[in-house]
């Protein structure tokens, strides 16, 4: 019983630390003047509505429009099983509604920039292959 209580308290503290670190971040509108903030490597998670998280990476190679780079999607579903990695290169990344925006066919990714305590995060919505979800990526 003591272990269960200790574990519960530990989980609550961990959640509070996570919320406090996010609370210190503020949304920063993306413009041509701060595209250099986007350049580099980002790592995090994508979540499809009602499912678990899947590891995701984003590499942005330049700091001028159009943005060029690639998404690396891990745990991609293939032939009924979840496995594998899919790389999607892009060369038409842009700004829409003061967010990073990429559209390829019917698929789109719209991520807002958040800054605070020397850290940066991209967070937002995506639609990929008929499924909607959210994505959170931290700058490395």
Protein backbone atom coordinates (compact mmCIF):
# COMPACT_ATOMS: atom_id res chain seq x y z
CA UNK A 1 0.00 0.00 0.00
CA UNK A 2 2.84 2.40 0.82
CA UNK A 3 4.41 1.67 -2.56
CA UNK A 4 1.16 2.55 -4.34
CA UNK A 5 0.86 5.85 -2.45
CA UNK A 6 4.52 6.68 -3.11
CA UNK A 7 4.09 5.89 -6.80
CA UNK A 8 0.96 8.07 -6.97
CA UNK A 9 2.74 11.01 -5.34
CA UNK A 10 5.74 10.55 -7.65
CA UNK A 11 3.50 10.57 -10.74
CA UNK A 12 1.72 13.73 -9.56
CA UNK A 13 5.03 15.51 -8.96
CA UNK A 14 6.25 14.49 -12.42
CA UNK A 15 3.04 15.84 -14.01
CA UNK A 16 3.33 19.12 -12.11
CA UNK A 17 6.95 19.56 -13.22
CA UNK A 18 5.89 18.97 -16.82
CA UNK A 19 3.05 21.48 -16.56
CA UNK A 20 5.29 24.06 -14.92
CA UNK A 21 7.90 23.74 -17.67
CA UNK A 22 5.22 24.18 -20.34
CA UNK A 23 3.69 27.13 -18.50
CA UNK A 24 7.02 28.97 -18.85
CA UNK A 25 6.78 28.83 -22.64
CA UNK A 26 4.96 31.41 -24.70
CA UNK A 27 3.74 31.17 -28.27
CA UNK A 28 5.88 33.18 -30.65
CA UNK A 29 4.42 34.06 -34.05
CA UNK A 30 6.58 32.78 -36.91
CA UNK A 31 7.65 35.33 -39.49
CA UNK A 32 10.43 35.67 -42.05
CA UNK A 33 12.40 37.50 -39.34
CA UNK A 34 12.69 34.48 -37.04
CA UNK A 35 12.93 31.56 -39.47
CA UNK A 36 16.43 30.92 -38.12
CA UNK A 37 14.75 29.64 -34.93
CA UNK A 38 13.20 26.83 -36.97
CA UNK A 39 16.42 25.71 -38.62
CA UNK A 40 17.85 22.55 -37.07
CA UNK A 41 16.70 19.27 -35.58
CA UNK A 42 13.48 18.71 -33.66
CA UNK A 43 12.39 15.52 -31.88
CA UNK A 44 9.15 14.51 -30.25
CA UNK A 45 5.85 12.71 -30.73
CA UNK A 46 2.83 12.56 -32.96
CA UNK A 47 -0.48 11.31 -31.63
CA UNK A 48 -3.33 10.19 -33.83
CA UNK A 49 -6.77 10.77 -32.32
CA UNK A 50 -7.47 8.02 -29.82
CA UNK A 51 -4.14 6.17 -30.14
CA UNK A 52 -0.72 6.09 -28.57
CA UNK A 53 2.26 8.37 -29.27
CA UNK A 54 4.68 7.72 -32.12
CA UNK A 55 8.24 9.07 -32.24
CA UNK A 56 8.79 11.81 -34.83
CA UNK A 57 11.74 13.90 -35.99
CA UNK A 58 11.86 17.06 -38.07
CA UNK A 59 14.94 18.52 -39.70
CA UNK A 60 14.75 22.01 -41.23
CA UNK A 61 17.79 22.75 -43.38
CA UNK A 62 17.45 26.45 -44.19
CA UNK A 63 16.15 29.72 -42.75
CA UNK A 64 14.53 31.26 -45.83
CA UNK A 65 11.26 30.60 -47.58
CA UNK A 66 10.41 28.09 -48.82
CA UNK A 67 11.64 25.95 -45.92
CA UNK A 68 13.34 22.68 -46.87
CA UNK A 69 13.93 19.58 -44.81
CA UNK A 70 12.41 16.28 -43.84
CA UNK A 71 10.09 14.57 -41.39
CA UNK A 72 11.14 11.17 -40.06
CA UNK A 73 8.16 9.15 -38.87
CA UNK A 74 8.96 6.14 -36.68
CA UNK A 75 6.61 3.20 -36.02
CA UNK A 76 4.86 3.54 -39.35
CA UNK A 77 2.04 1.08 -39.99
CA UNK A 78 2.92 -1.33 -42.78
CA UNK A 79 0.80 -4.23 -43.96
CA UNK A 80 -1.19 -4.59 -40.76
CA UNK A 81 1.78 -4.20 -38.40
CA UNK A 82 3.29 -1.14 -36.76
CA UNK A 83 6.98 -0.96 -37.55
CA UNK A 84 9.45 0.76 -39.75
CA UNK A 85 10.45 4.31 -40.49
CA UNK A 86 9.22 6.61 -43.22
CA UNK A 87 11.15 9.72 -44.33
CA UNK A 88 9.23 12.51 -46.05
CA UNK A 89 11.40 15.20 -47.60
CA UNK A 90 9.89 18.60 -48.35
CA UNK A 91 10.90 21.78 -50.12
CA UNK A 92 7.76 23.92 -49.83
CA UNK A 93 7.48 24.67 -46.11
CA UNK A 94 5.91 28.07 -45.50
CA UNK A 95 4.21 30.32 -42.94
CA UNK A 96 0.43 30.27 -42.51
CA UNK A 97 -1.43 31.97 -39.65
CA UNK A 98 2.01 32.75 -38.13
CA UNK A 99 2.77 29.00 -37.92
CA UNK A 100 5.06 26.60 -39.78
CA UNK A 101 2.88 25.09 -42.49
CA UNK A 102 3.43 22.26 -44.94
CA UNK A 103 0.87 20.82 -47.35
CA UNK A 104 1.47 17.80 -49.58
CA UNK A 105 -1.57 16.60 -51.45
CA UNK A 106 -4.33 16.13 -48.88
CA UNK A 107 -1.83 15.94 -46.01
CA UNK A 108 -0.91 19.02 -43.97
CA UNK A 109 1.15 19.94 -40.91
CA UNK A 110 0.61 23.21 -39.00
CA UNK A 111 2.88 23.79 -36.01
CA UNK A 112 3.21 26.85 -33.77
CA UNK A 113 6.48 27.92 -32.15
CA UNK A 114 6.75 28.15 -28.34
CA UNK A 115 9.75 29.59 -26.48
CA UNK A 116 10.82 29.83 -22.87
CA UNK A 117 13.66 29.12 -20.45
CA UNK A 118 16.10 28.74 -23.34
CA UNK A 119 13.99 25.99 -24.94
CA UNK A 120 11.86 25.85 -28.08
CA UNK A 121 8.93 23.65 -29.02
CA UNK A 122 6.83 23.19 -32.16
CA UNK A 123 3.31 22.07 -31.45
CA UNK A 124 0.15 21.73 -33.50
CA UNK A 125 -2.13 19.68 -35.69
CA UNK A 126 -1.62 17.46 -38.70
CA UNK A 127 -3.65 15.43 -41.14
CA UNK A 128 -1.86 12.47 -42.69
CA UNK A 129 -3.21 9.66 -44.86
CA UNK A 130 -6.80 10.16 -43.71
CA UNK A 131 -6.06 10.54 -39.99
CA UNK A 132 -5.90 13.66 -37.81
CA UNK A 133 -3.63 14.15 -34.85
CA UNK A 134 -1.37 16.42 -32.85
CA UNK A 135 2.39 16.76 -32.84
CA UNK A 136 4.85 18.10 -30.24
CA UNK A 137 8.52 18.50 -31.16
CA UNK A 138 11.36 19.88 -29.02
CA UNK A 139 14.41 21.64 -30.50
CA UNK A 140 17.63 19.68 -30.06
